[in-house]
């Protein structure tokens, strides 16, 4: 049986890079990296930028779809490393997917300091990457202010991606990030 590992945080925190590395380096025979931004890219009509208040219905729908897909893959034996802006305000579908599949659910919030986060976000060059400093700062503040237990936070300010991935692996082995 696989497990679900959510690697979250604001834009520019390093979620995609770290989740991809984790999926490649984990000892499990089956692993995948679920890049949640891809789900938003599937919308062809009616897309609402997910940081806007009027995107709530869209975001809830996609969170349910992503959690269901991850749960199915976890039940098939995959270690699923989910990268995306999955704040505690969106835990319910992930908890349900883990419970329904008899899976462990782990949550990691990458939280470099504000200046590092905004700097990384605005420096991205990938097509479609969110590079708006205001949005990155808004999401950083949301993660900072939301009641996330400290054990789920990883300060990656001064870390290279490999160091952050190693810290996450260590925390996973210790059970530090476990939600269910």
N, C-alpha and C. Protein backbone atom coordinates (compact mmCIF):
# COMPACT_ATOMS: atom_id res chain seq x y z
N UNK A 1 0.85 -1.18 0.00
CA UNK A 1 0.00 0.00 0.00
C UNK A 1 0.89 1.23 0.00
N UNK A 2 0.54 2.22 -0.80
CA UNK A 2 1.31 3.45 -0.90
C UNK A 2 0.95 4.43 0.19
N UNK A 3 1.41 5.64 0.03
CA UNK A 3 1.07 6.73 0.95
C UNK A 3 0.99 8.02 0.16
N UNK A 4 0.34 9.00 0.76
CA UNK A 4 0.19 10.31 0.16
C UNK A 4 1.02 11.30 0.95
N UNK A 5 1.84 12.07 0.24
CA UNK A 5 2.69 13.08 0.87
C UNK A 5 2.42 14.40 0.16
N UNK A 6 1.76 15.32 0.85
CA UNK A 6 1.50 16.63 0.28
C UNK A 6 2.68 17.54 0.60
N UNK A 7 3.28 18.11 -0.45
CA UNK A 7 4.35 19.08 -0.30
C UNK A 7 3.75 20.42 -0.71
N UNK A 8 3.51 21.27 0.28
CA UNK A 8 2.79 22.50 0.03
C UNK A 8 3.61 23.72 0.43
N UNK A 9 3.00 24.88 0.30
CA UNK A 9 3.63 26.14 0.63
C UNK A 9 3.25 27.17 -0.41
N UNK A 10 3.68 28.40 -0.23
CA UNK A 10 3.33 29.46 -1.17
C UNK A 10 4.10 29.33 -2.49
N UNK A 11 3.68 30.08 -3.52
CA UNK A 11 4.44 30.07 -4.78
C UNK A 11 5.89 30.48 -4.52
N UNK A 12 6.82 29.73 -5.06
CA UNK A 12 8.24 30.02 -4.89
C UNK A 12 8.88 29.30 -3.72
N UNK A 13 8.12 28.49 -3.00
CA UNK A 13 8.68 27.79 -1.83
C UNK A 13 9.56 26.61 -2.23
N UNK A 14 9.40 26.09 -3.44
CA UNK A 14 10.20 24.95 -3.89
C UNK A 14 9.43 23.64 -3.94
N UNK A 15 8.11 23.72 -3.89
CA UNK A 15 7.26 22.52 -3.85
C UNK A 15 7.52 21.56 -5.00
N UNK A 16 7.48 22.08 -6.22
CA UNK A 16 7.61 21.22 -7.39
C UNK A 16 8.97 20.54 -7.45
N UNK A 17 10.01 21.31 -7.22
CA UNK A 17 11.37 20.76 -7.26
C UNK A 17 11.55 19.68 -6.20
N UNK A 18 11.11 19.96 -4.99
CA UNK A 18 11.29 19.01 -3.89
C UNK A 18 10.42 17.77 -4.09
N UNK A 19 9.15 17.94 -4.47
CA UNK A 19 8.27 16.78 -4.67
C UNK A 19 8.79 15.88 -5.78
N UNK A 20 9.29 16.48 -6.85
CA UNK A 20 9.85 15.68 -7.93
C UNK A 20 11.06 14.89 -7.45
N UNK A 21 11.94 15.53 -6.70
CA UNK A 21 13.13 14.82 -6.17
C UNK A 21 12.71 13.70 -5.23
N UNK A 22 11.76 13.96 -4.37
CA UNK A 22 11.30 12.93 -3.44
C UNK A 22 10.77 11.72 -4.20
N UNK A 23 9.98 11.97 -5.25
CA UNK A 23 9.40 10.85 -6.01
C UNK A 23 10.47 10.05 -6.73
N UNK A 24 11.57 10.68 -7.09
CA UNK A 24 12.66 9.98 -7.78
C UNK A 24 13.57 9.23 -6.82
N UNK A 25 13.70 9.73 -5.59
CA UNK A 25 14.67 9.17 -4.65
C UNK A 25 14.09 8.21 -3.62
N UNK A 26 12.78 8.17 -3.49
CA UNK A 26 12.17 7.30 -2.49
C UNK A 26 12.51 5.84 -2.82
N UNK A 27 12.68 5.04 -1.78
CA UNK A 27 13.06 3.64 -1.96
C UNK A 27 11.91 2.76 -2.47
N UNK A 28 10.70 3.25 -2.41
CA UNK A 28 9.53 2.46 -2.84
C UNK A 28 9.66 2.10 -4.32
N UNK A 29 9.15 0.92 -4.70
CA UNK A 29 9.25 0.51 -6.11
C UNK A 29 8.32 1.30 -7.04
N UNK A 30 7.26 1.90 -6.49
CA UNK A 30 6.33 2.69 -7.29
C UNK A 30 6.20 4.08 -6.66
N UNK A 31 6.41 5.10 -7.46
CA UNK A 31 6.29 6.47 -6.95
C UNK A 31 5.88 7.40 -8.07
N UNK A 32 5.17 8.45 -7.69
CA UNK A 32 4.78 9.44 -8.69
C UNK A 32 4.78 10.84 -8.08
N UNK A 33 4.94 11.81 -8.95
CA UNK A 33 4.89 13.23 -8.59
C UNK A 33 3.62 13.79 -9.21
N UNK A 34 2.68 14.21 -8.37
CA UNK A 34 1.44 14.82 -8.85
C UNK A 34 1.59 16.33 -8.75
N UNK A 35 1.70 16.97 -9.90
CA UNK A 35 1.86 18.43 -10.00
C UNK A 35 0.46 19.02 -10.12
N UNK A 36 -0.06 19.56 -9.02
CA UNK A 36 -1.46 19.99 -9.01
C UNK A 36 -1.75 21.13 -9.97
N UNK A 37 -0.74 21.94 -10.31
CA UNK A 37 -0.97 23.01 -11.29
C UNK A 37 -1.47 22.45 -12.61
N UNK A 38 -1.10 21.20 -12.92
CA UNK A 38 -1.57 20.60 -14.17
C UNK A 38 -3.09 20.53 -14.21
N UNK A 39 -3.72 20.22 -13.07
CA UNK A 39 -5.17 20.13 -13.03
C UNK A 39 -5.81 21.47 -13.39
N UNK A 40 -5.24 22.56 -12.90
CA UNK A 40 -5.77 23.88 -13.24
C UNK A 40 -5.59 24.16 -14.73
N UNK A 41 -4.53 23.65 -15.32
CA UNK A 41 -4.27 23.82 -16.75
C UNK A 41 -5.25 23.07 -17.63
N UNK A 42 -5.97 22.11 -17.09
CA UNK A 42 -6.95 21.37 -17.87
C UNK A 42 -8.21 22.20 -18.17
N UNK A 43 -8.44 23.24 -17.40
CA UNK A 43 -9.65 24.05 -17.59
C UNK A 43 -9.50 24.87 -18.88
N UNK A 44 -10.46 24.72 -19.77
CA UNK A 44 -10.42 25.42 -21.05
C UNK A 44 -11.40 26.58 -21.12
N UNK A 45 -12.44 26.55 -20.30
CA UNK A 45 -13.41 27.64 -20.25
C UNK A 45 -13.78 27.89 -18.80
N UNK A 46 -13.88 29.14 -18.45
CA UNK A 46 -14.33 29.50 -17.11
C UNK A 46 -13.25 29.49 -16.04
N UNK A 47 -11.97 29.45 -16.44
CA UNK A 47 -10.89 29.45 -15.45
C UNK A 47 -10.91 30.74 -14.64
N UNK A 48 -10.74 30.58 -13.32
CA UNK A 48 -10.62 31.72 -12.42
C UNK A 48 -9.28 31.57 -11.69
N UNK A 49 -8.42 32.58 -11.71
CA UNK A 49 -7.16 32.45 -10.98
C UNK A 49 -7.43 31.97 -9.55
N UNK A 50 -6.77 30.90 -9.12
CA UNK A 50 -7.14 30.23 -7.87
C UNK A 50 -6.94 31.03 -6.60
N UNK A 51 -6.25 32.16 -6.66
CA UNK A 51 -6.05 32.98 -5.46
C UNK A 51 -7.17 34.00 -5.28
N UNK A 52 -8.08 34.10 -6.26
CA UNK A 52 -9.19 35.05 -6.14
C UNK A 52 -10.34 34.43 -5.36
N UNK A 53 -11.04 35.22 -4.57
CA UNK A 53 -12.16 34.69 -3.77
C UNK A 53 -13.22 33.98 -4.61
N UNK A 54 -13.48 34.44 -5.82
CA UNK A 54 -14.52 33.83 -6.65
C UNK A 54 -14.10 32.49 -7.25
N UNK A 55 -12.89 32.02 -6.95
CA UNK A 55 -12.43 30.72 -7.45
C UNK A 55 -12.79 29.57 -6.52
N UNK A 56 -13.46 29.84 -5.44
CA UNK A 56 -13.73 28.82 -4.40
C UNK A 56 -14.33 27.53 -4.98
N UNK A 57 -15.40 27.65 -5.75
CA UNK A 57 -16.05 26.45 -6.31
C UNK A 57 -15.08 25.66 -7.18
N UNK A 58 -14.36 26.36 -8.04
CA UNK A 58 -13.36 25.71 -8.91
C UNK A 58 -12.31 25.00 -8.06
N UNK A 59 -11.79 25.67 -7.05
CA UNK A 59 -10.72 25.10 -6.23
C UNK A 59 -11.19 23.88 -5.45
N UNK A 60 -12.40 23.95 -4.90
CA UNK A 60 -12.95 22.81 -4.16
C UNK A 60 -13.13 21.62 -5.11
N UNK A 61 -13.66 21.89 -6.29
CA UNK A 61 -13.86 20.82 -7.28
C UNK A 61 -12.54 20.15 -7.63
N UNK A 62 -11.52 20.96 -7.92
CA UNK A 62 -10.23 20.39 -8.30
C UNK A 62 -9.54 19.69 -7.14
N UNK A 63 -9.66 20.21 -5.92
CA UNK A 63 -9.07 19.52 -4.75
C UNK A 63 -9.70 18.14 -4.59
N UNK A 64 -11.02 18.06 -4.75
CA UNK A 64 -11.68 16.76 -4.66
C UNK A 64 -11.18 15.80 -5.74
N UNK A 65 -11.02 16.31 -6.96
CA UNK A 65 -10.53 15.47 -8.07
C UNK A 65 -9.10 15.01 -7.83
N UNK A 66 -8.25 15.93 -7.37
CA UNK A 66 -6.84 15.58 -7.13
C UNK A 66 -6.71 14.57 -5.99
N UNK A 67 -7.46 14.79 -4.92
CA UNK A 67 -7.39 13.88 -3.78
C UNK A 67 -7.88 12.49 -4.18
N UNK A 68 -8.95 12.43 -4.97
CA UNK A 68 -9.46 11.13 -5.42
C UNK A 68 -8.43 10.41 -6.29
N UNK A 69 -7.84 11.13 -7.23
CA UNK A 69 -6.83 10.53 -8.11
C UNK A 69 -5.63 10.04 -7.31
N UNK A 70 -5.16 10.86 -6.37
CA UNK A 70 -4.02 10.46 -5.54
C UNK A 70 -4.37 9.23 -4.71
N UNK A 71 -5.59 9.19 -4.17
CA UNK A 71 -6.01 8.04 -3.38
C UNK A 71 -6.04 6.76 -4.19
N UNK A 72 -6.52 6.84 -5.41
CA UNK A 72 -6.56 5.66 -6.29
C UNK A 72 -5.15 5.15 -6.54
N UNK A 73 -4.23 6.06 -6.83
CA UNK A 73 -2.84 5.66 -7.09
C UNK A 73 -2.19 5.10 -5.83
N UNK A 74 -2.47 5.71 -4.68
CA UNK A 74 -1.94 5.20 -3.41
C UNK A 74 -2.43 3.79 -3.13
N UNK A 75 -3.70 3.54 -3.39
CA UNK A 75 -4.26 2.19 -3.17
C UNK A 75 -3.61 1.17 -4.09
N UNK A 76 -3.12 1.63 -5.24
CA UNK A 76 -2.45 0.73 -6.18
C UNK A 76 -0.98 0.53 -5.83
N UNK A 77 -0.54 1.14 -4.71
CA UNK A 77 0.81 0.92 -4.24
C UNK A 77 1.80 2.04 -4.50
N UNK A 78 1.36 3.10 -5.10
CA UNK A 78 2.25 4.22 -5.39
C UNK A 78 2.48 5.10 -4.17
N UNK A 79 3.71 5.57 -4.02
CA UNK A 79 4.01 6.66 -3.11
C UNK A 79 3.69 7.91 -3.94
N UNK A 80 2.72 8.69 -3.51
CA UNK A 80 2.28 9.84 -4.28
C UNK A 80 2.76 11.11 -3.59
N UNK A 81 3.63 11.84 -4.27
CA UNK A 81 4.15 13.11 -3.77
C UNK A 81 3.40 14.23 -4.49
N UNK A 82 2.51 14.88 -3.76
CA UNK A 82 1.63 15.89 -4.32
C UNK A 82 2.25 17.25 -4.08
N UNK A 83 2.44 18.03 -5.12
CA UNK A 83 2.94 19.38 -4.91
C UNK A 83 1.88 20.37 -5.34
N UNK A 84 1.59 21.30 -4.45
CA UNK A 84 0.61 22.32 -4.78
C UNK A 84 0.28 23.17 -3.57
N UNK A 85 -0.47 24.20 -3.82
CA UNK A 85 -0.91 25.06 -2.74
C UNK A 85 -2.13 24.41 -2.11
N UNK A 86 -1.83 23.51 -1.17
CA UNK A 86 -2.85 22.79 -0.44
C UNK A 86 -2.73 23.25 1.01
N UNK A 87 -3.48 24.28 1.33
CA UNK A 87 -3.45 24.77 2.70
C UNK A 87 -4.34 23.92 3.59
N UNK A 88 -4.21 24.07 4.88
CA UNK A 88 -5.07 23.32 5.82
C UNK A 88 -6.55 23.56 5.56
N UNK A 89 -6.88 24.66 4.91
CA UNK A 89 -8.27 24.95 4.58
C UNK A 89 -8.80 23.98 3.52
N UNK A 90 -7.91 23.16 2.95
CA UNK A 90 -8.31 22.17 1.95
C UNK A 90 -7.97 20.74 2.37
N UNK A 91 -7.86 20.46 3.65
CA UNK A 91 -7.48 19.12 4.11
C UNK A 91 -8.57 18.07 3.92
N UNK A 92 -9.83 18.44 4.04
CA UNK A 92 -10.91 17.45 4.08
C UNK A 92 -10.88 16.41 2.95
N UNK A 93 -10.76 16.80 1.67
CA UNK A 93 -10.77 15.75 0.64
C UNK A 93 -9.56 14.83 0.72
N UNK A 94 -8.42 15.34 1.17
CA UNK A 94 -7.21 14.52 1.28
C UNK A 94 -7.34 13.54 2.43
N UNK A 95 -7.89 14.00 3.54
CA UNK A 95 -8.10 13.11 4.68
C UNK A 95 -9.09 12.01 4.30
N UNK A 96 -10.15 12.38 3.59
CA UNK A 96 -11.14 11.38 3.16
C UNK A 96 -10.52 10.36 2.20
N UNK A 97 -9.71 10.82 1.25
CA UNK A 97 -9.07 9.91 0.29
C UNK A 97 -8.13 8.95 1.02
N UNK A 98 -7.37 9.46 1.98
CA UNK A 98 -6.47 8.59 2.74
C UNK A 98 -7.26 7.59 3.57
N UNK A 99 -8.30 8.05 4.23
CA UNK A 99 -9.12 7.15 5.06
C UNK A 99 -9.78 6.07 4.20
N UNK A 100 -10.38 6.47 3.08
CA UNK A 100 -11.06 5.52 2.20
C UNK A 100 -10.09 4.47 1.65
N UNK A 101 -8.85 4.86 1.42
CA UNK A 101 -7.87 3.95 0.84
C UNK A 101 -6.99 3.25 1.86
N UNK A 102 -7.20 3.53 3.15
CA UNK A 102 -6.35 2.95 4.19
C UNK A 102 -4.91 3.41 4.05
N UNK A 103 -4.72 4.68 3.67
CA UNK A 103 -3.39 5.21 3.38
C UNK A 103 -2.92 6.17 4.46
N UNK A 104 -1.62 6.26 4.63
CA UNK A 104 -1.05 7.30 5.45
C UNK A 104 -1.11 8.60 4.66
N UNK A 105 -1.34 9.71 5.37
CA UNK A 105 -1.33 11.03 4.76
C UNK A 105 -0.33 11.89 5.52
N UNK A 106 0.59 12.48 4.79
CA UNK A 106 1.61 13.34 5.38
C UNK A 106 1.50 14.72 4.76
N UNK A 107 1.78 15.75 5.56
CA UNK A 107 1.68 17.13 5.09
C UNK A 107 2.93 17.89 5.46
N UNK A 108 3.58 18.47 4.44
CA UNK A 108 4.79 19.27 4.62
C UNK A 108 4.52 20.66 4.04
N UNK A 109 4.74 21.69 4.84
CA UNK A 109 4.62 23.07 4.35
C UNK A 109 6.02 23.67 4.26
N UNK A 110 6.51 23.84 3.03
CA UNK A 110 7.80 24.48 2.83
C UNK A 110 7.61 25.98 3.04
N UNK A 111 8.39 26.55 3.95
CA UNK A 111 8.20 27.95 4.33
C UNK A 111 9.52 28.71 4.40
N UNK A 112 10.12 29.01 3.23
CA UNK A 112 11.26 29.91 3.29
C UNK A 112 10.76 31.27 3.76
N UNK A 113 11.67 32.15 4.16
CA UNK A 113 11.23 33.46 4.61
C UNK A 113 10.55 34.21 3.46
N UNK A 114 9.86 35.29 3.81
CA UNK A 114 9.05 36.01 2.82
C UNK A 114 9.88 36.52 1.65
N UNK A 115 11.00 37.16 1.91
CA UNK A 115 11.82 37.71 0.83
C UNK A 115 12.32 36.62 -0.11
N UNK A 116 12.74 35.48 0.45
CA UNK A 116 13.22 34.36 -0.38
C UNK A 116 12.08 33.81 -1.23
N UNK A 117 10.91 33.65 -0.62
CA UNK A 117 9.75 33.12 -1.34
C UNK A 117 9.39 34.02 -2.52
N UNK A 118 9.25 35.29 -2.26
CA UNK A 118 8.87 36.23 -3.32
C UNK A 118 9.97 36.29 -4.39
N UNK A 119 11.23 36.31 -3.97
CA UNK A 119 12.33 36.33 -4.91
C UNK A 119 12.35 35.12 -5.82
N UNK A 120 12.12 33.95 -5.25
CA UNK A 120 12.09 32.72 -6.06
C UNK A 120 10.91 32.73 -7.03
N UNK A 121 9.75 33.17 -6.55
CA UNK A 121 8.56 33.18 -7.39
C UNK A 121 8.72 34.11 -8.58
N UNK A 122 9.24 35.30 -8.34
CA UNK A 122 9.36 36.29 -9.42
C UNK A 122 10.48 35.95 -10.40
N UNK A 123 11.41 35.09 -10.00
CA UNK A 123 12.53 34.72 -10.87
C UNK A 123 12.22 33.52 -11.77
N UNK A 124 11.08 32.88 -11.57
CA UNK A 124 10.77 31.69 -12.36
C UNK A 124 10.57 32.06 -13.83
N UNK A 125 11.03 31.16 -14.70
CA UNK A 125 10.96 31.42 -16.13
C UNK A 125 10.13 30.38 -16.89
N UNK A 126 9.62 29.36 -16.21
CA UNK A 126 8.85 28.32 -16.89
C UNK A 126 7.55 28.92 -17.44
N UNK A 127 7.15 28.48 -18.63
CA UNK A 127 5.90 28.98 -19.21
C UNK A 127 4.73 28.74 -18.26
N UNK A 128 3.93 29.76 -18.03
CA UNK A 128 2.75 29.62 -17.18
C UNK A 128 3.02 29.72 -15.69
N UNK A 129 4.28 29.85 -15.30
CA UNK A 129 4.61 29.92 -13.87
C UNK A 129 4.05 31.21 -13.28
N UNK A 130 3.54 31.12 -12.06
CA UNK A 130 3.01 32.27 -11.35
C UNK A 130 4.19 33.09 -10.83
N UNK A 131 4.37 34.27 -11.36
CA UNK A 131 5.52 35.10 -11.00
C UNK A 131 5.12 36.43 -10.36
N UNK A 132 3.86 36.59 -10.05
CA UNK A 132 3.36 37.84 -9.47
C UNK A 132 3.80 37.95 -8.02
N UNK A 133 4.58 38.98 -7.71
CA UNK A 133 5.10 39.17 -6.35
C UNK A 133 3.97 39.34 -5.34
N UNK A 134 2.94 40.07 -5.72
CA UNK A 134 1.82 40.31 -4.80
C UNK A 134 1.09 39.03 -4.42
N UNK A 135 0.87 38.16 -5.40
CA UNK A 135 0.19 36.89 -5.13
C UNK A 135 1.07 36.00 -4.26
N UNK A 136 2.37 35.95 -4.58
CA UNK A 136 3.28 35.13 -3.78
C UNK A 136 3.30 35.61 -2.34
N UNK A 137 3.36 36.91 -2.15
CA UNK A 137 3.36 37.46 -0.79
C UNK A 137 2.04 37.18 -0.09
N UNK A 138 0.92 37.32 -0.79
CA UNK A 138 -0.40 37.04 -0.22
C UNK A 138 -0.48 35.59 0.27
N UNK A 139 0.01 34.66 -0.54
CA UNK A 139 -0.05 33.25 -0.16
C UNK A 139 0.95 32.95 0.96
N UNK A 140 2.11 33.58 0.95
CA UNK A 140 3.07 33.40 2.04
C UNK A 140 2.44 33.82 3.35
N UNK A 141 1.76 34.96 3.34
CA UNK A 141 1.09 35.44 4.56
C UNK A 141 0.00 34.48 5.01
N UNK A 142 -0.75 33.92 4.05
CA UNK A 142 -1.80 32.96 4.40
C UNK A 142 -1.22 31.73 5.09
N UNK A 143 -0.11 31.21 4.56
CA UNK A 143 0.53 30.06 5.19
C UNK A 143 1.15 30.42 6.53
N UNK A 144 1.72 31.60 6.63
CA UNK A 144 2.31 32.03 7.90
C UNK A 144 1.24 32.16 8.98
N UNK A 145 0.10 32.74 8.61
CA UNK A 145 -0.93 33.06 9.60
C UNK A 145 -1.87 31.92 9.92
N UNK A 146 -1.96 30.91 9.04
CA UNK A 146 -2.88 29.81 9.29
C UNK A 146 -2.29 28.88 10.34
N UNK A 147 -3.13 28.33 11.14
CA UNK A 147 -2.69 27.49 12.27
C UNK A 147 -2.20 26.12 11.77
N UNK A 148 -0.99 26.11 11.26
CA UNK A 148 -0.32 24.86 10.87
C UNK A 148 0.63 24.52 12.01
N UNK A 149 0.54 23.30 12.50
CA UNK A 149 1.47 22.89 13.56
C UNK A 149 2.90 23.04 13.06
N UNK A 150 3.77 23.51 13.95
CA UNK A 150 5.17 23.74 13.58
C UNK A 150 5.85 22.48 13.05
N UNK A 151 5.43 21.32 13.51
CA UNK A 151 6.07 20.08 13.06
C UNK A 151 5.88 19.83 11.57
N UNK A 152 4.90 20.50 10.96
CA UNK A 152 4.65 20.34 9.52
C UNK A 152 5.42 21.34 8.68
N UNK A 153 6.07 22.30 9.30
CA UNK A 153 6.78 23.36 8.57
C UNK A 153 8.27 22.99 8.38
N UNK A 154 8.77 23.32 7.21
CA UNK A 154 10.20 23.18 6.93
C UNK A 154 10.68 24.52 6.40
N UNK A 155 11.61 25.14 7.12
CA UNK A 155 12.19 26.41 6.68
C UNK A 155 13.30 26.08 5.69
N UNK A 156 13.04 26.36 4.43
CA UNK A 156 14.00 26.04 3.37
C UNK A 156 14.74 27.27 2.87
N UNK A 157 14.73 28.33 3.66
CA UNK A 157 15.34 29.60 3.23
C UNK A 157 16.77 29.43 2.76
N UNK A 158 17.59 28.78 3.54
CA UNK A 158 19.02 28.66 3.22
C UNK A 158 19.40 27.30 2.66
N UNK A 159 18.40 26.53 2.25
CA UNK A 159 18.68 25.17 1.78
C UNK A 159 18.59 25.07 0.26
N UNK A 160 19.47 24.26 -0.30
CA UNK A 160 19.32 23.85 -1.70
C UNK A 160 18.23 22.78 -1.74
N UNK A 161 17.70 22.52 -2.91
CA UNK A 161 16.59 21.56 -3.04
C UNK A 161 16.95 20.19 -2.47
N UNK A 162 18.18 19.73 -2.70
CA UNK A 162 18.57 18.42 -2.17
C UNK A 162 18.57 18.40 -0.64
N UNK A 163 18.96 19.52 -0.02
CA UNK A 163 18.94 19.60 1.44
C UNK A 163 17.51 19.57 1.97
N UNK A 164 16.63 20.29 1.29
CA UNK A 164 15.22 20.30 1.70
C UNK A 164 14.62 18.90 1.54
N UNK A 165 14.90 18.25 0.41
CA UNK A 165 14.40 16.89 0.20
C UNK A 165 14.91 15.95 1.29
N UNK A 166 16.18 16.08 1.67
CA UNK A 166 16.74 15.24 2.73
C UNK A 166 16.04 15.51 4.06
N UNK A 167 15.76 16.77 4.36
CA UNK A 167 15.06 17.12 5.60
C UNK A 167 13.65 16.55 5.60
N UNK A 168 12.99 16.56 4.44
CA UNK A 168 11.64 16.00 4.35
C UNK A 168 11.69 14.48 4.51
N UNK A 169 12.64 13.81 3.86
CA UNK A 169 12.79 12.36 4.04
C UNK A 169 12.99 12.01 5.51
N UNK A 170 13.83 12.76 6.18
CA UNK A 170 14.09 12.51 7.60
C UNK A 170 12.80 12.69 8.41
N UNK A 171 12.06 13.75 8.14
CA UNK A 171 10.80 13.98 8.84
C UNK A 171 9.77 12.91 8.55
N UNK A 172 9.73 12.42 7.31
CA UNK A 172 8.81 11.33 6.98
C UNK A 172 9.16 10.07 7.75
N UNK A 173 10.45 9.76 7.82
CA UNK A 173 10.90 8.56 8.55
C UNK A 173 10.55 8.65 10.03
N UNK A 174 10.59 9.85 10.58
CA UNK A 174 10.27 10.06 12.00
C UNK A 174 8.78 10.13 12.26
N UNK A 175 7.97 10.25 11.20
CA UNK A 175 6.53 10.42 11.37
C UNK A 175 6.13 11.85 11.69
N UNK A 176 7.05 12.76 11.55
CA UNK A 176 6.82 14.17 11.92
C UNK A 176 5.67 14.82 11.16
N UNK A 177 5.49 14.46 9.89
CA UNK A 177 4.52 15.14 9.02
C UNK A 177 3.18 14.42 8.91
N UNK A 178 3.03 13.34 9.62
CA UNK A 178 1.82 12.51 9.47
C UNK A 178 0.56 13.24 9.94
N UNK A 179 -0.46 13.21 9.07
CA UNK A 179 -1.77 13.75 9.42
C UNK A 179 -2.72 12.64 9.85
N UNK A 180 -2.69 11.53 9.12
CA UNK A 180 -3.59 10.40 9.46
C UNK A 180 -2.81 9.12 9.54
